[in-house]
Amino acid sequence: MFRSPLVLIIVAALVMFISSSLYTVKEMERAVKLQFGEVVDSDIKPGLHFRWPIINSIRKFDARILTLDARPERYLTVEQKPLIVDSYAKWRISNVEGFYTATNGEETRAARLLAQRINTGLRNKFGERTQHEVVSGERDQLMKELTSDLNEIAGKELGVEVVDIRVKRIDLPPEVSGSVYNRMNTEREREAREHRSKGKELAEGIRADADRQKTIIESEAYREAEQIRGDGDAVAAAIYAEAYNQDPEFYAFTRRLQAYKEIFSKQGDVMLLKPDSEFFKYLKQPVSSN
């Protein structure tokens, strides 16, 4: 009768001991075992593990690649030209014991310390290069060098691995951007004027060549037309001459009738001719044919 409660108490205590002694580490986690605050196991593999309650405590950390999105900073190039740089970094825990020792296992503290080192690295790298090199020419090479340098430093000091560092955006400071944009606008307007001038010059050349070809074509066409017209007139004159030679009197008569038709069809005109004028000889007497 007294044994049943005692057994239950022992079983309950055993269950509590086992539940508090066993713990799991997931694939996406890194963990360290502490004994009274001192690291005794810094390489705990994923799976089910045992610890002594009260004596041992477990700290787990995210083993995935994390993103550090730094706030934009102002840097000077080798020409002492200011630039506003917005960057980010990818990092993860590589040495759990070193990470715990340096940051007490706090990701925010680790991110803050890493951001300071990235800021210093970017400032040094930008200070060694010109504005053109950091904006377009050597940005990729700059990021590779910075990632390599910071990865070594962060590994030793913070126990983290810097996977990659990238620049999202590079801007000019507000007090500088206005003058730079005005200078760029002036340069573009100058280039536009040069292109327009060259275009007008080319257009004038094309137009002059077209006018010259037009004049040549018209002259050749006029020459050919006059030649054809002259040939036609010559053929017509030959035909007229041949017809005139066949019957000169009849030819003269038909020509005079045509003249009568054209003159008398115009009303209101007045002609003063002598009665014995040669013009009306065919109206005075008929023509005798031989």
Foldseek 3Di string as FASTA:
>chain_A
DVVVVVVVVVVVVVVVQVVQFKDFDDPQKFKFKDFVRHTDGRGDDGDIDTDGPPGIDMDMDGFDWDKQFDDWDWAAALVRAIKTWGKMFIKGAQGRVLQCVQQVRDPVSLSVVLNVLLVVLVNVLRHHHDPCCCVPNPVVVSFVVSQVVSQVVCCVRNRMGTPTMDIPDMGHDPVVVVVVVVVVVVVVVVVVVVVVVVVVVVVVVVVVVVVVVVVVVVVVVVVVVVVVVVVVVVVVVVVLVVVCVVPVVVSVVVVLVVVVVVVVVDPPDDDDDDPPDPSCPCVPDPDDDD
